[in-house]
C-alpha atoms as a PDB file:
ATOM      1  CA  MET A   1     138.766 100.311 115.955  1.00  0.00           C
ATOM      2  CA  SER A   2     138.663 101.159 112.033  1.00  0.00           C
ATOM      3  CA  ARG A   3     135.781 100.292 110.188  1.00  0.00           C
ATOM      4  CA  GLU A   4     136.205  98.471 106.782  1.00  0.00           C
ATOM      5  CA  THR A   5     133.198  98.952 104.346  1.00  0.00           C
ATOM      6  CA  PRO A   6     132.597  96.718 100.982  1.00  0.00           C
ATOM      7  CA  ASP A   7     133.068 100.550  99.269  1.00  0.00           C
ATOM      8  CA  SER A   8     136.198 101.263 100.755  1.00  0.00           C
ATOM      9  CA  ALA A   9     137.564  97.348 101.142  1.00  0.00           C
ATOM     10  CA  THR A  10     141.010  98.522 100.200  1.00  0.00           C
ATOM     11  CA  ALA A  11     143.636 101.114  99.808  1.00  0.00           C
ATOM     12  CA  GLY A  12     146.620 100.192  97.637  1.00  0.00           C
ATOM     13  CA  ARG A  13     146.033  97.029  97.058  1.00  0.00           C
ATOM     14  CA  GLU A  14     143.042  95.026  94.333  1.00  0.00           C
ATOM     15  CA  ALA A  15     140.120  94.244  96.704  1.00  0.00           C
ATOM     16  CA  SER A  16     139.049  90.270  97.228  1.00  0.00           C
ATOM     17  CA  LEU A  17     136.512  89.027  95.344  1.00  0.00           C
ATOM     18  CA  PRO A  18     134.150  89.029  98.379  1.00  0.00           C
ATOM     19  CA  ALA A  19     134.873  92.718  99.122  1.00  0.00           C
ATOM     20  CA  ARG A  20     134.191  93.478  95.331  1.00  0.00           C
ATOM     21  CA  LEU A  21     131.109  91.380  95.276  1.00  0.00           C
ATOM     22  CA  LEU A  22     129.890  93.321  98.517  1.00  0.00           C
ATOM     23  CA  GLY A  23     130.149  96.729  97.268  1.00  0.00           C
ATOM     24  CA  ALA A  24     128.931  95.652  94.144  1.00  0.00           C
ATOM     25  CA  GLY A  25     125.794  94.198  95.325  1.00  0.00           C
ATOM     26  CA  THR A  26     125.670  97.252  97.915  1.00  0.00           C
ATOM     27  CA  ARG A  27     125.489  99.779  95.253  1.00  0.00           C
ATOM     28  CA  ALA A  28     122.629  98.139  93.218  1.00  0.00           C
ATOM     29  CA  LEU A  29     120.805  97.691  95.993  1.00  0.00           C
ATOM     30  CA  GLN A  30     120.935 101.226  96.948  1.00  0.00           C
ATOM     31  CA  LEU A  31     119.866 102.124  93.782  1.00  0.00           C
ATOM     32  CA  VAL A  32     116.606  99.721  94.301  1.00  0.00           C
ATOM     33  CA  ALA A  33     116.080 101.283  97.331  1.00  0.00           C
ATOM     34  CA  ALA A  34     116.594 104.996  95.743  1.00  0.00           C
ATOM     35  CA  VAL A  35     113.861 103.976  92.620  1.00  0.00           C
ATOM     36  CA  LEU A  36     111.231 102.313  96.056  1.00  0.00           C
ATOM     37  CA  LEU A  37     111.945 105.540  97.847  1.00  0.00           C
ATOM     38  CA  LEU A  38     111.186 108.197  95.017  1.00  0.00           C
ATOM     39  CA  VAL A  39     108.167 105.733  93.683  1.00  0.00           C
ATOM     40  CA  MET A  40     107.005 105.852  97.203  1.00  0.00           C
ATOM     41  CA  MET A  41     107.159 109.971  97.378  1.00  0.00           C
ATOM     42  CA  ALA A  42     105.647 110.376  94.375  1.00  0.00           C
ATOM     43  CA  VAL A  43     102.547 108.470  95.192  1.00  0.00           C
ATOM     44  CA  THR A  44     101.957 109.881  98.830  1.00  0.00           C
ATOM     45  CA  PHE A  45     102.888 113.305  96.810  1.00  0.00           C
ATOM     46  CA  VAL A  46      99.639 112.371  94.474  1.00  0.00           C
ATOM     47  CA  ASP A  47      97.562 111.210  96.734  1.00  0.00           C
ATOM     48  CA  VAL A  48      98.084 114.080  98.825  1.00  0.00           C
ATOM     49  CA  ILE A  49      97.471 116.830  96.092  1.00  0.00           C
ATOM     50  CA  GLY A  50      94.554 115.111  94.995  1.00  0.00           C
ATOM     51  CA  ARG A  51      93.020 114.310  98.483  1.00  0.00           C
ATOM     52  CA  TYR A  52      93.237 118.144  99.443  1.00  0.00           C
ATOM     53  CA  LEU A  53      93.205 119.843  95.784  1.00  0.00           C
ATOM     54  CA  PHE A  54      90.567 117.832  94.243  1.00  0.00           C
ATOM     55  CA  ASN A  55      88.736 116.114  97.387  1.00  0.00           C
ATOM     56  CA  ALA A  56      89.570 112.801  95.367  1.00  0.00           C
ATOM     57  CA  PRO A  57      92.501 110.775  97.052  1.00  0.00           C
ATOM     58  CA  LEU A  58      94.549 108.234  95.173  1.00  0.00           C
ATOM     59  CA  PRO A  59      92.933 104.765  94.858  1.00  0.00           C
ATOM     60  CA  GLY A  60      94.833 102.285  97.502  1.00  0.00           C
ATOM     61  CA  ALA A  61      97.277 104.593  97.943  1.00  0.00           C
ATOM     62  CA  PHE A  62      97.852 103.319 101.337  1.00  0.00           C
ATOM     63  CA  GLU A  63      98.322  99.534 100.882  1.00  0.00           C
ATOM     64  CA  LEU A  64     100.836 100.697  98.403  1.00  0.00           C
ATOM     65  CA  THR A  65     102.741 102.556 100.456  1.00  0.00           C
ATOM     66  CA  GLU A  66     102.428 100.019 103.171  1.00  0.00           C
ATOM     67  CA  VAL A  67     103.974  97.859 100.289  1.00  0.00           C
ATOM     68  CA  LEU A  68     106.698  99.812  98.740  1.00  0.00           C
ATOM     69  CA  LEU A  69     107.782 100.485 102.726  1.00  0.00           C
ATOM     70  CA  ALA A  70     107.719  96.949 103.879  1.00  0.00           C
ATOM     71  CA  LEU A  71     110.426  96.551 100.613  1.00  0.00           C
ATOM     72  CA  ILE A  72     112.534  99.175 100.984  1.00  0.00           C
ATOM     73  CA  VAL A  73     112.988  97.997 104.776  1.00  0.00           C
ATOM     74  CA  PHE A  74     114.055  94.686 103.671  1.00  0.00           C
ATOM     75  CA  VAL A  75     116.115  95.736 100.700  1.00  0.00           C
ATOM     76  CA  GLY A  76     118.049  98.203 103.543  1.00  0.00           C
ATOM     77  CA  LEU A  77     118.973  95.180 105.409  1.00  0.00           C
ATOM     78  CA  PRO A  78     121.456  93.794 103.663  1.00  0.00           C
ATOM     79  CA  ILE A  79     122.861  97.255 102.942  1.00  0.00           C
ATOM     80  CA  VAL A  80     123.239  97.733 106.341  1.00  0.00           C
ATOM     81  CA  THR A  81     124.479  94.452 106.729  1.00  0.00           C
ATOM     82  CA  ALA A  82     127.511  93.907 104.325  1.00  0.00           C
ATOM     83  CA  ARG A  83     128.219  97.535 105.941  1.00  0.00           C
ATOM     84  CA  ARG A  84     128.406  96.601 109.104  1.00  0.00           C
ATOM     85  CA  GLU A  85     126.014  99.425 110.275  1.00  0.00           C
ATOM     86  CA  HIS A  86     123.222  97.821 112.491  1.00  0.00           C
ATOM     87  CA  VAL A  87     122.643  99.386 115.952  1.00  0.00           C
ATOM     88  CA  THR A  88     125.017  98.761 118.465  1.00  0.00           C
ATOM     89  CA  VAL A  89     125.397  99.761 122.273  1.00  0.00           C
ATOM     90  CA  ASP A  90     128.844 100.031 123.218  1.00  0.00           C
ATOM     91  CA  LEU A  91     128.576 100.929 127.008  1.00  0.00           C
ATOM     92  CA  LEU A  92     131.498  97.845 128.049  1.00  0.00           C
ATOM     93  CA  THR A  93     133.305  97.090 124.808  1.00  0.00           C
ATOM     94  CA  GLY A  94     135.419  99.916 124.681  1.00  0.00           C
ATOM     95  CA  LYS A  95     137.391  98.882 127.801  1.00  0.00           C
ATOM     96  CA  LEU A  96     138.162  95.485 126.300  1.00  0.00           C
ATOM     97  CA  PRO A  97     141.036  94.478 124.854  1.00  0.00           C
ATOM     98  CA  ASP A  98     141.188  94.724 120.988  1.00  0.00           C
ATOM     99  CA  GLY A  99     141.331  90.407 120.884  1.00  0.00           C
ATOM    100  CA  ALA A 100     138.106  90.506 122.955  1.00  0.00           C
ATOM    101  CA  ARG A 101     136.632  93.041 120.804  1.00  0.00           C
ATOM    102  CA  ALA A 102     137.464  91.680 117.464  1.00  0.00           C
ATOM    103  CA  ALA A 103     135.587  88.013 118.981  1.00  0.00           C
ATOM    104  CA  LEU A 104     133.095  89.669 120.018  1.00  0.00           C
ATOM    105  CA  ALA A 105     132.387  91.673 117.124  1.00  0.00           C
ATOM    106  CA  TRP A 106     132.653  88.346 115.286  1.00  0.00           C
ATOM    107  CA  LEU A 107     130.540  86.810 117.611  1.00  0.00           C
ATOM    108  CA  ALA A 108     127.583  89.277 117.053  1.00  0.00           C
ATOM    109  CA  THR A 109     128.343  89.136 113.283  1.00  0.00           C
ATOM    110  CA  LEU A 110     127.663  84.933 113.948  1.00  0.00           C
ATOM    111  CA  ALA A 111     124.527  85.485 115.617  1.00  0.00           C
ATOM    112  CA  THR A 112     123.275  87.994 113.019  1.00  0.00           C
ATOM    113  CA  GLY A 113     123.587  85.820 110.264  1.00  0.00           C
ATOM    114  CA  ALA A 114     122.147  83.181 111.970  1.00  0.00           C
ATOM    115  CA  VAL A 115     118.996  85.012 112.989  1.00  0.00           C
ATOM    116  CA  LEU A 116     118.502  86.392 109.840  1.00  0.00           C
ATOM    117  CA  ALA A 117     119.061  82.983 108.065  1.00  0.00           C
ATOM    118  CA  LEU A 118     116.479  82.278 110.690  1.00  0.00           C
ATOM    119  CA  LEU A 119     113.953  85.006 109.376  1.00  0.00           C
ATOM    120  CA  ALA A 120     114.690  84.707 105.890  1.00  0.00           C
ATOM    121  CA  TRP A 121     113.682  80.478 106.623  1.00  0.00           C
ATOM    122  CA  ARG A 122     110.449  81.811 108.256  1.00  0.00           C
ATOM    123  CA  LEU A 123     109.355  84.723 105.912  1.00  0.00           C
ATOM    124  CA  ALA A 124     109.937  82.005 102.503  1.00  0.00           C
ATOM    125  CA  LEU A 125     107.440  79.658 104.303  1.00  0.00           C
ATOM    126  CA  SER A 126     105.117  82.523 104.907  1.00  0.00           C
ATOM    127  CA  ALA A 127     105.639  83.912 101.370  1.00  0.00           C
ATOM    128  CA  ARG A 128     104.354  80.032 100.506  1.00  0.00           C
ATOM    129  CA  ASP A 129     101.447  80.034 102.948  1.00  0.00           C
ATOM    130  CA  PHE A 130     100.722  83.285 101.132  1.00  0.00           C
ATOM    131  CA  SER A 131     100.684  82.271  97.726  1.00  0.00           C
ATOM    132  CA  ALA A 132      98.982  78.827  98.408  1.00  0.00           C
ATOM    133  CA  TYR A 133      95.915  80.680  99.917  1.00  0.00           C
ATOM    134  CA  GLY A 134      96.622  83.267  97.414  1.00  0.00           C
ATOM    135  CA  ASP A 135      96.688  86.147 100.264  1.00  0.00           C
ATOM    136  CA  ALA A 136      96.467  89.976  98.947  1.00  0.00           C
ATOM    137  CA  THR A 137      95.869  93.211  99.628  1.00  0.00           C
ATOM    138  CA  VAL A 138      92.274  94.134 100.275  1.00  0.00           C
ATOM    139  CA  TYR A 139      92.000  97.009  97.776  1.00  0.00           C
ATOM    140  CA  LEU A 140      94.609  96.935  94.818  1.00  0.00           C
ATOM    141  CA  GLY A 141      94.758  92.912  95.592  1.00  0.00           C
ATOM    142  CA  ILE A 142      98.606  93.382  95.407  1.00  0.00           C
ATOM    143  CA  PRO A 143      99.216  89.566  95.712  1.00  0.00           C
ATOM    144  CA  LEU A 144     101.397  88.975  98.912  1.00  0.00           C
ATOM    145  CA  GLY A 145     102.879  85.929  98.460  1.00  0.00           C
ATOM    146  CA  PRO A 146     105.568  87.199  95.809  1.00  0.00           C
ATOM    147  CA  VAL A 147     105.852  90.267  98.606  1.00  0.00           C
ATOM    148  CA  ALA A 148     106.697  88.202 101.205  1.00  0.00           C
ATOM    149  CA  GLY A 149     109.063  86.159  98.830  1.00  0.00           C
ATOM    150  CA  ILE A 150     111.332  89.097  97.610  1.00  0.00           C
ATOM    151  CA  MET A 151     111.714  90.206 101.739  1.00  0.00           C
ATOM    152  CA  ALA A 152     112.780  86.249 102.245  1.00  0.00           C
ATOM    153  CA  GLY A 153     115.355  86.784  99.901  1.00  0.00           C
ATOM    154  CA  LEU A 154     116.650  90.045 100.376  1.00  0.00           C
ATOM    155  CA  THR A 155     116.878  88.862 104.049  1.00  0.00           C
ATOM    156  CA  ALA A 156     118.503  85.651 102.886  1.00  0.00           C
ATOM    157  CA  LEU A 157     121.113  88.235 101.019  1.00  0.00           C
ATOM    158  CA  ALA A 158     121.808  90.022 104.542  1.00  0.00           C
ATOM    159  CA  ALA A 159     122.565  86.276 106.185  1.00  0.00           C
ATOM    160  CA  LEU A 160     124.882  85.933 103.152  1.00  0.00           C
ATOM    161  CA  ALA A 161     126.806  89.192 103.502  1.00  0.00           C
ATOM    162  CA  ALA A 162     127.159  88.178 107.270  1.00  0.00           C
ATOM    163  CA  ALA A 163     128.816  85.112 106.404  1.00  0.00           C
ATOM    164  CA  MET A 164     131.125  86.958 103.559  1.00  0.00           C
ATOM    165  CA  LEU A 165     132.338  89.455 106.750  1.00  0.00           C
ATOM    166  CA  LEU A 166     132.855  86.663 108.988  1.00  0.00           C
ATOM    167  CA  VAL A 167     134.935  84.845 106.097  1.00  0.00           C
ATOM    168  CA  ARG A 168     136.602  87.900 105.444  1.00  0.00           C
ATOM    169  CA  ARG A 169     137.707  88.607 109.102  1.00  0.00           C
ATOM    170  CA  ARG A 170     139.597  85.536 109.412  1.00  0.00           C
END
């Protein structure tokens, strides 16, 4: 079964608007993930050098690493969804006819989109609550409301990517 990714959406013909949007969005998010990872690596590098050479670790490095890691994971969620690269187990579907496999793939994408939409909604509620209560990290005081809001938005983007994949499969 061939897997079409947004980056290789069509060969020899013009890509559809949803395919171009998925491809452009995926590339933009990959750049964001790379920058976040670079920042996290720099924080870790400075923390380790400070800790072992100067006996002075970077203040708040643990909190900053936690926030950056969460953002990297959620930036990756729409990328993985758009490229259909979620972890799958193919124990029984390999024996099914092509039509049944396609139907199961469509149902799996539908379920993925529904779960992602539910998670986005719940994260948005958490973001609202964190902002209302003024929740922040202990040492650096990084506000958790905007972080949860970004996570909710990225999860909603992943749900939208799943919806776009469902429309493209018809």
